Amino acid sequence: MTELSHLNEKGEARMVDVSEKSVTQRTARAEGFVAMAPATLALVEKGEAKKGDVLATARIAGIMAAKRTHELIPLCHPLLLTKVTLDLAPSAAPCGIAVAAEVRVTGQTGVEMEALTAVSVACLTIYDMLKAADKGMTIGPIRLLEKTGGRSGIWRAADATANAPTE
């Protein structure tokens, strides 16, 4: 295990100084899943959810969340994101909605937290919009699939799927 960069020599939390890091293009992809009853998924697919267009609303919520990650997660740097894409795909087996995000920035620090936040908030929005029909929905797993850029280069989850959005 490497040294935790968000702690100073006294063990106190601190924001990492990235001023000496190289500016590079950095990307991150993350995914999550909202499992639900088939009848609940049918509401989404037929556009009959009482709160409106579930997929469009969740997509916007995820994009907005990625842009505000630094306000939600302590010690995250505010970033000028250059791309946030959310893909929401209904699935019959397993029954639910797969959520994937891709986030990009040209900067001095990565966007893993922004991708994970986008997926998390999109999943929470799906739950919120459908909870009147199905309080038993479950969210997860939410995970990082890939990150690129920076000194550490490329990292991919060993079993990363191809569910992330493409241009």
N, C-alpha and C. Protein backbone atom coordinates (compact mmCIF):
# COMPACT_ATOMS: atom_id res chain seq x y z
N MET A 1 0.85 -1.18 0.00
CA MET A 1 0.00 0.00 0.00
C MET A 1 0.89 1.23 0.00
N THR A 2 0.56 2.20 -0.83
CA THR A 2 1.34 3.42 -0.89
C THR A 2 0.86 4.40 0.17
N GLU A 3 1.64 5.40 0.40
CA GLU A 3 1.31 6.45 1.36
C GLU A 3 0.06 7.20 0.90
N LEU A 4 -0.81 7.52 1.85
CA LEU A 4 -2.02 8.26 1.52
C LEU A 4 -1.68 9.72 1.30
N SER A 5 -1.98 10.23 0.11
CA SER A 5 -1.58 11.58 -0.25
C SER A 5 -2.44 12.68 0.37
N HIS A 6 -3.60 12.32 0.93
CA HIS A 6 -4.48 13.33 1.51
C HIS A 6 -4.24 13.53 3.00
N LEU A 7 -3.12 12.97 3.50
CA LEU A 7 -2.76 13.16 4.90
C LEU A 7 -1.38 13.79 4.98
N ASN A 8 -1.22 14.75 5.88
CA ASN A 8 0.10 15.34 6.08
C ASN A 8 0.90 14.47 7.04
N GLU A 9 2.11 14.91 7.39
CA GLU A 9 2.98 14.11 8.24
C GLU A 9 2.40 13.87 9.64
N LYS A 10 1.42 14.68 10.05
CA LYS A 10 0.76 14.52 11.36
C LYS A 10 -0.51 13.67 11.25
N GLY A 11 -0.84 13.22 10.04
CA GLY A 11 -2.05 12.43 9.85
C GLY A 11 -3.30 13.28 9.67
N GLU A 12 -3.13 14.56 9.44
CA GLU A 12 -4.27 15.47 9.25
C GLU A 12 -4.66 15.54 7.78
N ALA A 13 -5.95 15.67 7.53
CA ALA A 13 -6.43 15.76 6.16
C ALA A 13 -5.93 17.03 5.50
N ARG A 14 -5.60 16.92 4.21
CA ARG A 14 -5.15 18.09 3.43
C ARG A 14 -5.52 17.87 1.98
N MET A 15 -5.64 18.98 1.27
CA MET A 15 -5.84 18.90 -0.18
C MET A 15 -4.46 18.75 -0.81
N VAL A 16 -4.34 17.80 -1.72
CA VAL A 16 -3.06 17.53 -2.36
C VAL A 16 -2.67 18.71 -3.25
N ASP A 17 -1.39 19.09 -3.18
CA ASP A 17 -0.86 20.15 -4.04
C ASP A 17 -0.51 19.53 -5.38
N VAL A 18 -1.25 19.89 -6.43
CA VAL A 18 -1.00 19.34 -7.76
C VAL A 18 -0.25 20.31 -8.67
N SER A 19 0.24 21.41 -8.10
CA SER A 19 0.85 22.46 -8.92
C SER A 19 2.09 21.99 -9.68
N GLU A 20 2.76 20.98 -9.22
CA GLU A 20 3.95 20.48 -9.91
C GLU A 20 3.64 19.34 -10.88
N LYS A 21 2.41 18.88 -10.91
CA LYS A 21 2.04 17.78 -11.81
C LYS A 21 1.93 18.29 -13.24
N SER A 22 2.19 17.40 -14.17
CA SER A 22 2.07 17.73 -15.59
C SER A 22 0.60 17.83 -15.99
N VAL A 23 0.33 18.74 -16.91
CA VAL A 23 -1.00 18.85 -17.50
C VAL A 23 -1.09 17.79 -18.60
N THR A 24 -2.01 16.85 -18.45
CA THR A 24 -2.21 15.81 -19.45
C THR A 24 -3.71 15.60 -19.63
N GLN A 25 -4.07 14.93 -20.73
CA GLN A 25 -5.47 14.54 -20.90
C GLN A 25 -5.71 13.35 -20.01
N ARG A 26 -6.78 13.44 -19.21
CA ARG A 26 -7.11 12.39 -18.26
C ARG A 26 -8.56 11.97 -18.47
N THR A 27 -8.82 10.69 -18.40
CA THR A 27 -10.17 10.18 -18.55
C THR A 27 -10.45 9.18 -17.45
N ALA A 28 -11.73 9.00 -17.19
CA ALA A 28 -12.15 7.94 -16.27
C ALA A 28 -13.49 7.42 -16.73
N ARG A 29 -13.68 6.11 -16.59
CA ARG A 29 -14.96 5.48 -16.88
C ARG A 29 -15.41 4.73 -15.64
N ALA A 30 -16.69 4.82 -15.34
CA ALA A 30 -17.26 4.13 -14.19
C ALA A 30 -18.60 3.54 -14.59
N GLU A 31 -19.08 2.59 -13.78
CA GLU A 31 -20.37 1.98 -14.06
C GLU A 31 -21.11 1.67 -12.77
N GLY A 32 -22.42 1.52 -12.91
CA GLY A 32 -23.27 1.12 -11.80
C GLY A 32 -24.52 0.46 -12.35
N PHE A 33 -25.38 -0.01 -11.45
CA PHE A 33 -26.59 -0.69 -11.88
C PHE A 33 -27.69 -0.46 -10.87
N VAL A 34 -28.90 -0.24 -11.36
CA VAL A 34 -30.09 -0.15 -10.50
C VAL A 34 -30.96 -1.35 -10.85
N ALA A 35 -31.05 -2.29 -9.92
CA ALA A 35 -31.88 -3.48 -10.12
C ALA A 35 -33.30 -3.18 -9.70
N MET A 36 -34.27 -3.66 -10.46
CA MET A 36 -35.68 -3.37 -10.18
C MET A 36 -36.56 -4.50 -10.70
N ALA A 37 -37.82 -4.44 -10.29
CA ALA A 37 -38.80 -5.42 -10.75
C ALA A 37 -39.11 -5.20 -12.23
N PRO A 38 -39.45 -6.24 -12.95
CA PRO A 38 -39.80 -6.10 -14.36
C PRO A 38 -40.90 -5.06 -14.61
N ALA A 39 -41.89 -4.98 -13.75
CA ALA A 39 -42.97 -4.01 -13.93
C ALA A 39 -42.45 -2.58 -13.82
N THR A 40 -41.46 -2.37 -12.98
CA THR A 40 -40.86 -1.04 -12.83
C THR A 40 -40.08 -0.67 -14.09
N LEU A 41 -39.31 -1.61 -14.60
CA LEU A 41 -38.57 -1.37 -15.84
C LEU A 41 -39.54 -1.08 -16.98
N ALA A 42 -40.65 -1.75 -17.00
CA ALA A 42 -41.65 -1.51 -18.06
C ALA A 42 -42.16 -0.08 -18.01
N LEU A 43 -42.31 0.50 -16.81
CA LEU A 43 -42.73 1.90 -16.70
C LEU A 43 -41.72 2.82 -17.39
N VAL A 44 -40.45 2.53 -17.20
CA VAL A 44 -39.39 3.34 -17.82
C VAL A 44 -39.44 3.19 -19.33
N GLU A 45 -39.52 1.96 -19.79
CA GLU A 45 -39.48 1.70 -21.24
C GLU A 45 -40.70 2.24 -21.97
N LYS A 46 -41.83 2.27 -21.30
CA LYS A 46 -43.05 2.80 -21.92
C LYS A 46 -43.21 4.30 -21.70
N GLY A 47 -42.31 4.91 -20.92
CA GLY A 47 -42.42 6.34 -20.64
C GLY A 47 -43.58 6.67 -19.73
N GLU A 48 -43.94 5.75 -18.83
CA GLU A 48 -45.11 5.93 -17.98
C GLU A 48 -44.78 6.20 -16.51
N ALA A 49 -43.52 6.50 -16.20
CA ALA A 49 -43.16 6.84 -14.82
C ALA A 49 -43.84 8.15 -14.45
N LYS A 50 -44.44 8.19 -13.26
CA LYS A 50 -45.21 9.37 -12.86
C LYS A 50 -44.39 10.65 -12.79
N LYS A 51 -43.09 10.53 -12.51
CA LYS A 51 -42.24 11.72 -12.37
C LYS A 51 -41.66 12.19 -13.71
N GLY A 52 -41.90 11.45 -14.79
CA GLY A 52 -41.42 11.90 -16.09
C GLY A 52 -40.38 10.98 -16.69
N ASP A 53 -39.58 11.52 -17.59
CA ASP A 53 -38.58 10.76 -18.35
C ASP A 53 -37.41 10.41 -17.43
N VAL A 54 -37.41 9.18 -16.96
CA VAL A 54 -36.42 8.72 -15.99
C VAL A 54 -35.00 8.78 -16.56
N LEU A 55 -34.80 8.28 -17.75
CA LEU A 55 -33.45 8.20 -18.31
C LEU A 55 -32.89 9.59 -18.61
N ALA A 56 -33.69 10.47 -19.18
CA ALA A 56 -33.21 11.83 -19.49
C ALA A 56 -32.87 12.58 -18.20
N THR A 57 -33.71 12.43 -17.20
CA THR A 57 -33.48 13.14 -15.94
C THR A 57 -32.23 12.60 -15.25
N ALA A 58 -32.05 11.29 -15.23
CA ALA A 58 -30.87 10.69 -14.60
C ALA A 58 -29.60 11.09 -15.34
N ARG A 59 -29.67 11.18 -16.67
CA ARG A 59 -28.50 11.59 -17.46
C ARG A 59 -28.09 13.01 -17.09
N ILE A 60 -29.05 13.91 -17.03
CA ILE A 60 -28.74 15.31 -16.67
C ILE A 60 -28.20 15.39 -15.25
N ALA A 61 -28.82 14.65 -14.32
CA ALA A 61 -28.37 14.66 -12.93
C ALA A 61 -26.93 14.18 -12.82
N GLY A 62 -26.58 13.13 -13.56
CA GLY A 62 -25.21 12.61 -13.53
C GLY A 62 -24.21 13.61 -14.06
N ILE A 63 -24.55 14.28 -15.15
CA ILE A 63 -23.66 15.30 -15.72
C ILE A 63 -23.47 16.45 -14.73
N MET A 64 -24.57 16.91 -14.17
CA MET A 64 -24.49 18.00 -13.19
C MET A 64 -23.65 17.59 -11.98
N ALA A 65 -23.81 16.37 -11.51
CA ALA A 65 -23.06 15.89 -10.35
C ALA A 65 -21.56 15.84 -10.64
N ALA A 66 -21.19 15.37 -11.81
CA ALA A 66 -19.77 15.31 -12.16
C ALA A 66 -19.15 16.70 -12.08
N LYS A 67 -19.88 17.69 -12.56
CA LYS A 67 -19.38 19.07 -12.56
C LYS A 67 -19.27 19.66 -11.15
N ARG A 68 -19.97 19.06 -10.18
CA ARG A 68 -19.98 19.60 -8.82
C ARG A 68 -19.31 18.67 -7.81
N THR A 69 -18.56 17.71 -8.29
CA THR A 69 -17.92 16.74 -7.41
C THR A 69 -17.10 17.41 -6.32
N HIS A 70 -16.38 18.45 -6.68
CA HIS A 70 -15.53 19.13 -5.68
C HIS A 70 -16.35 19.75 -4.54
N GLU A 71 -17.63 19.99 -4.77
CA GLU A 71 -18.50 20.53 -3.71
C GLU A 71 -19.08 19.42 -2.84
N LEU A 72 -19.03 18.18 -3.32
CA LEU A 72 -19.63 17.06 -2.62
C LEU A 72 -18.61 16.19 -1.88
N ILE A 73 -17.45 16.02 -2.45
CA ILE A 73 -16.42 15.15 -1.89
C ILE A 73 -15.29 16.01 -1.33
N PRO A 74 -15.06 15.94 -0.02
CA PRO A 74 -14.00 16.76 0.57
C PRO A 74 -12.65 16.50 -0.09
N LEU A 75 -11.90 17.55 -0.27
CA LEU A 75 -10.52 17.54 -0.76
C LEU A 75 -10.39 17.31 -2.26
N CYS A 76 -11.49 17.20 -3.00
CA CYS A 76 -11.41 17.10 -4.45
C CYS A 76 -11.15 18.48 -5.04
N HIS A 77 -10.36 18.53 -6.09
CA HIS A 77 -10.07 19.78 -6.78
C HIS A 77 -11.21 20.15 -7.71
N PRO A 78 -11.54 21.44 -7.81
CA PRO A 78 -12.49 21.85 -8.85
C PRO A 78 -11.80 21.72 -10.22
N LEU A 79 -12.49 21.11 -11.17
CA LEU A 79 -11.90 20.83 -12.47
C LEU A 79 -12.75 21.42 -13.59
N LEU A 80 -12.10 21.85 -14.65
CA LEU A 80 -12.79 22.31 -15.85
C LEU A 80 -12.97 21.11 -16.78
N LEU A 81 -14.03 20.36 -16.53
CA LEU A 81 -14.27 19.15 -17.31
C LEU A 81 -14.51 19.48 -18.77
N THR A 82 -13.96 18.65 -19.66
CA THR A 82 -14.14 18.87 -21.08
C THR A 82 -15.16 17.91 -21.68
N LYS A 83 -15.51 16.84 -20.93
CA LYS A 83 -16.50 15.89 -21.42
C LYS A 83 -17.10 15.13 -20.24
N VAL A 84 -18.41 15.01 -20.26
CA VAL A 84 -19.11 14.11 -19.34
C VAL A 84 -20.20 13.44 -20.16
N THR A 85 -20.13 12.12 -20.27
CA THR A 85 -21.12 11.36 -21.01
C THR A 85 -21.71 10.30 -20.10
N LEU A 86 -23.04 10.20 -20.12
CA LEU A 86 -23.74 9.18 -19.36
C LEU A 86 -24.51 8.32 -20.32
N ASP A 87 -24.40 7.01 -20.17
CA ASP A 87 -25.17 6.06 -20.97
C ASP A 87 -26.02 5.26 -20.01
N LEU A 88 -27.33 5.23 -20.24
CA LEU A 88 -28.26 4.49 -19.40
C LEU A 88 -28.95 3.45 -20.27
N ALA A 89 -28.79 2.19 -19.93
CA ALA A 89 -29.28 1.11 -20.78
C ALA A 89 -30.20 0.18 -19.99
N PRO A 90 -31.49 0.16 -20.34
CA PRO A 90 -32.39 -0.81 -19.72
C PRO A 90 -31.93 -2.23 -20.04
N SER A 91 -32.10 -3.11 -19.06
CA SER A 91 -31.67 -4.50 -19.20
C SER A 91 -32.76 -5.43 -18.67
N ALA A 92 -33.10 -6.44 -19.46
CA ALA A 92 -34.10 -7.42 -19.03
C ALA A 92 -33.50 -8.47 -18.10
N ALA A 93 -32.24 -8.83 -18.31
CA ALA A 93 -31.60 -9.84 -17.49
C ALA A 93 -30.14 -9.48 -17.26
N PRO A 94 -29.77 -9.02 -16.09
CA PRO A 94 -30.63 -8.81 -14.93
C PRO A 94 -31.55 -7.62 -15.17
N CYS A 95 -32.67 -7.61 -14.49
CA CYS A 95 -33.67 -6.57 -14.71
C CYS A 95 -33.27 -5.28 -14.02
N GLY A 96 -33.13 -4.22 -14.81
CA GLY A 96 -32.76 -2.93 -14.24
C GLY A 96 -32.19 -2.00 -15.29
N ILE A 97 -31.43 -1.04 -14.83
CA ILE A 97 -30.82 -0.05 -15.71
C ILE A 97 -29.33 0.03 -15.42
N ALA A 98 -28.53 -0.23 -16.45
CA ALA A 98 -27.08 -0.10 -16.36
C ALA A 98 -26.72 1.36 -16.63
N VAL A 99 -25.84 1.90 -15.80
CA VAL A 99 -25.42 3.29 -15.91
C VAL A 99 -23.91 3.31 -16.12
N ALA A 100 -23.45 4.02 -17.14
CA ALA A 100 -22.02 4.15 -17.40
C ALA A 100 -21.69 5.61 -17.65
N ALA A 101 -20.54 6.04 -17.16
CA ALA A 101 -20.10 7.42 -17.35
C ALA A 101 -18.68 7.45 -17.87
N GLU A 102 -18.41 8.45 -18.67
CA GLU A 102 -17.05 8.76 -19.09
C GLU A 102 -16.83 10.24 -18.86
N VAL A 103 -15.71 10.57 -18.24
CA VAL A 103 -15.38 11.96 -17.92
C VAL A 103 -13.97 12.24 -18.40
N ARG A 104 -13.77 13.44 -18.97
CA ARG A 104 -12.45 13.86 -19.45
C ARG A 104 -12.11 15.25 -18.94
N VAL A 105 -10.81 15.46 -18.81
CA VAL A 105 -10.28 16.77 -18.46
C VAL A 105 -8.85 16.85 -19.00
N THR A 106 -8.41 18.03 -19.32
CA THR A 106 -7.00 18.27 -19.57
C THR A 106 -6.54 19.07 -18.36
N GLY A 107 -5.76 18.41 -17.51
CA GLY A 107 -5.41 19.07 -16.26
C GLY A 107 -4.33 18.33 -15.51
N GLN A 108 -4.21 18.69 -14.22
CA GLN A 108 -3.14 18.19 -13.38
C GLN A 108 -3.58 17.10 -12.40
N THR A 109 -4.85 16.74 -12.45
CA THR A 109 -5.33 15.67 -11.57
C THR A 109 -6.44 14.90 -12.28
N GLY A 110 -6.66 13.69 -11.83
CA GLY A 110 -7.57 12.78 -12.51
C GLY A 110 -9.04 13.06 -12.25
N VAL A 111 -9.89 12.32 -12.96
CA VAL A 111 -11.34 12.53 -12.90
C VAL A 111 -12.09 11.27 -12.46
N GLU A 112 -11.40 10.39 -11.72
CA GLU A 112 -12.05 9.19 -11.23
C GLU A 112 -13.26 9.52 -10.35
N MET A 113 -13.09 10.46 -9.45
CA MET A 113 -14.18 10.80 -8.53
C MET A 113 -15.35 11.42 -9.28
N GLU A 114 -15.07 12.17 -10.33
CA GLU A 114 -16.15 12.77 -11.11
C GLU A 114 -16.96 11.69 -11.84
N ALA A 115 -16.28 10.68 -12.38
CA ALA A 115 -17.00 9.59 -13.06
C ALA A 115 -17.82 8.79 -12.06
N LEU A 116 -17.26 8.49 -10.92
CA LEU A 116 -17.98 7.74 -9.89
C LEU A 116 -19.16 8.53 -9.33
N THR A 117 -18.98 9.83 -9.18
CA THR A 117 -20.07 10.68 -8.69
C THR A 117 -21.19 10.76 -9.71
N ALA A 118 -20.82 10.88 -10.98
CA ALA A 118 -21.84 10.92 -12.04
C ALA A 118 -22.69 9.66 -12.01
N VAL A 119 -22.07 8.51 -11.93
CA VAL A 119 -22.81 7.24 -11.90
C VAL A 119 -23.66 7.15 -10.64
N SER A 120 -23.09 7.50 -9.51
CA SER A 120 -23.82 7.41 -8.24
C SER A 120 -25.07 8.27 -8.23
N VAL A 121 -24.95 9.50 -8.67
CA VAL A 121 -26.11 10.41 -8.66
C VAL A 121 -27.13 10.01 -9.72
N ALA A 122 -26.68 9.53 -10.86
CA ALA A 122 -27.63 9.04 -11.87
C ALA A 122 -28.42 7.86 -11.30
N CYS A 123 -27.75 6.94 -10.61
CA CYS A 123 -28.45 5.80 -10.00
C CYS A 123 -29.43 6.27 -8.93
N LEU A 124 -29.02 7.20 -8.10
CA LEU A 124 -29.91 7.74 -7.07
C LEU A 124 -31.12 8.43 -7.69
N THR A 125 -30.92 9.11 -8.80
CA THR A 125 -32.03 9.78 -9.48
C THR A 125 -33.02 8.76 -10.04
N ILE A 126 -32.51 7.68 -10.60
CA ILE A 126 -33.39 6.61 -11.08
C ILE A 126 -34.22 6.09 -9.91
N TYR A 127 -33.57 5.83 -8.80
CA TYR A 127 -34.30 5.35 -7.62
C TYR A 127 -35.37 6.35 -7.20
N ASP A 128 -34.99 7.61 -7.10
CA ASP A 128 -35.94 8.64 -6.67
C ASP A 128 -37.16 8.71 -7.59
N MET A 129 -36.93 8.64 -8.87
CA MET A 129 -38.02 8.79 -9.82
C MET A 129 -38.95 7.57 -9.86
N LEU A 130 -38.46 6.43 -9.38
CA LEU A 130 -39.26 5.19 -9.46
C LEU A 130 -39.64 4.62 -8.10
N LYS A 131 -39.24 5.27 -7.03
CA LYS A 131 -39.47 4.69 -5.70
C LYS A 131 -40.95 4.52 -5.36
N ALA A 132 -41.83 5.32 -5.93
CA ALA A 132 -43.26 5.15 -5.67
C ALA A 132 -43.76 3.81 -6.22
N ALA A 133 -43.12 3.33 -7.28
CA ALA A 133 -43.52 2.07 -7.89
C ALA A 133 -42.78 0.87 -7.30
N ASP A 134 -41.55 1.09 -6.79
CA ASP A 134 -40.71 -0.04 -6.38
C ASP A 134 -39.68 0.41 -5.35
N LYS A 135 -40.04 0.33 -4.08
CA LYS A 135 -39.11 0.72 -3.02
C LYS A 135 -38.01 -0.32 -2.81
N GLY A 136 -38.16 -1.51 -3.41
CA GLY A 136 -37.19 -2.58 -3.24
C GLY A 136 -36.04 -2.56 -4.22
N MET A 137 -35.92 -1.51 -5.03
CA MET A 137 -34.81 -1.42 -5.97
C MET A 137 -33.49 -1.44 -5.20
N THR A 138 -32.45 -1.96 -5.84
CA THR A 138 -31.11 -1.92 -5.24
C THR A 138 -30.16 -1.23 -6.20
N ILE A 139 -29.17 -0.59 -5.62
CA ILE A 139 -28.16 0.14 -6.40
C ILE A 139 -26.81 -0.52 -6.17
N GLY A 140 -26.11 -0.80 -7.27
CA GLY A 140 -24.76 -1.30 -7.14
C GLY A 140 -24.53 -2.55 -7.97
N PRO A 141 -23.33 -2.97 -8.10
CA PRO A 141 -22.16 -2.27 -7.61
C PRO A 141 -21.83 -1.04 -8.47
N ILE A 142 -21.21 -0.08 -7.84
CA ILE A 142 -20.69 1.10 -8.54
C ILE A 142 -19.18 0.98 -8.46
N ARG A 143 -18.53 1.13 -9.63
CA ARG A 143 -17.07 0.94 -9.61
C ARG A 143 -16.40 1.70 -10.74
N LEU A 144 -15.11 1.93 -10.55
CA LEU A 144 -14.27 2.50 -11.58
C LEU A 144 -13.89 1.39 -12.55
N LEU A 145 -14.04 1.66 -13.84
CA LEU A 145 -13.65 0.70 -14.87
C LEU A 145 -12.27 0.97 -15.42
N GLU A 146 -11.96 2.28 -15.58
CA GLU A 146 -10.70 2.64 -16.24
C GLU A 146 -10.35 4.08 -15.92
N LYS A 147 -9.06 4.35 -15.83
CA LYS A 147 -8.57 5.72 -15.78
C LYS A 147 -7.33 5.81 -16.63
N THR A 148 -7.17 6.95 -17.30
CA THR A 148 -5.99 7.17 -18.14
C THR A 148 -5.41 8.54 -17.83
N GLY A 149 -4.15 8.69 -18.18
CA GLY A 149 -3.48 9.97 -18.03
C GLY A 149 -2.71 10.08 -16.72
N GLY A 150 -1.90 11.12 -16.67
CA GLY A 150 -1.12 11.35 -15.46
C GLY A 150 0.08 10.43 -15.36
N ARG A 151 0.79 10.57 -14.25
CA ARG A 151 2.02 9.82 -14.04
C ARG A 151 1.79 8.32 -13.99
N SER A 152 0.64 7.90 -13.43
CA SER A 152 0.40 6.45 -13.30
C SER A 152 -0.13 5.81 -14.58
N GLY A 153 -0.43 6.61 -15.59
CA GLY A 153 -0.81 6.06 -16.89
C GLY A 153 -2.20 5.45 -16.91
N ILE A 154 -2.30 4.27 -17.51
CA ILE A 154 -3.59 3.60 -17.71
C ILE A 154 -3.81 2.56 -16.63
N TRP A 155 -5.02 2.55 -16.08
CA TRP A 155 -5.45 1.49 -15.16
C TRP A 155 -6.81 1.00 -15.64
N ARG A 156 -6.98 -0.31 -15.69
CA ARG A 156 -8.27 -0.90 -16.06
C ARG A 156 -8.63 -1.98 -15.04
N ALA A 157 -9.91 -2.03 -14.71
CA ALA A 157 -10.39 -3.13 -13.87
C ALA A 157 -10.14 -4.43 -14.63
N ALA A 158 -9.75 -5.46 -13.94
CA ALA A 158 -9.40 -6.72 -14.58
C ALA A 158 -10.52 -7.27 -15.44
N ASP A 159 -11.76 -7.06 -15.01
CA ASP A 159 -12.90 -7.59 -15.76
C ASP A 159 -13.77 -6.47 -16.31
N ALA A 160 -13.16 -5.35 -16.64
CA ALA A 160 -13.92 -4.19 -17.14
C ALA A 160 -14.73 -4.56 -18.36
N THR A 161 -15.99 -4.18 -18.33
CA THR A 161 -16.87 -4.44 -19.47
C THR A 161 -16.82 -3.29 -20.45
N ALA A 162 -17.44 -3.46 -21.56
CA ALA A 162 -17.47 -2.41 -22.59
C ALA A 162 -18.75 -1.60 -22.50
N ASN A 163 -19.28 -1.40 -21.28
CA ASN A 163 -20.54 -0.69 -21.11
C ASN A 163 -20.40 0.83 -21.13
N ALA A 164 -19.21 1.33 -21.12
CA ALA A 164 -19.04 2.78 -21.05
C ALA A 164 -19.48 3.43 -22.35
N PRO A 165 -19.93 4.69 -22.25
CA PRO A 165 -20.39 5.38 -23.44
C PRO A 165 -19.27 5.62 -24.44
N THR A 166 -19.66 5.75 -25.68
CA THR A 166 -18.70 6.09 -26.73
C THR A 166 -19.21 7.33 -27.43
N GLU A 167 -18.33 7.96 -28.16
CA GLU A 167 -18.72 9.19 -28.85
C GLU A 167 -19.50 8.88 -30.10
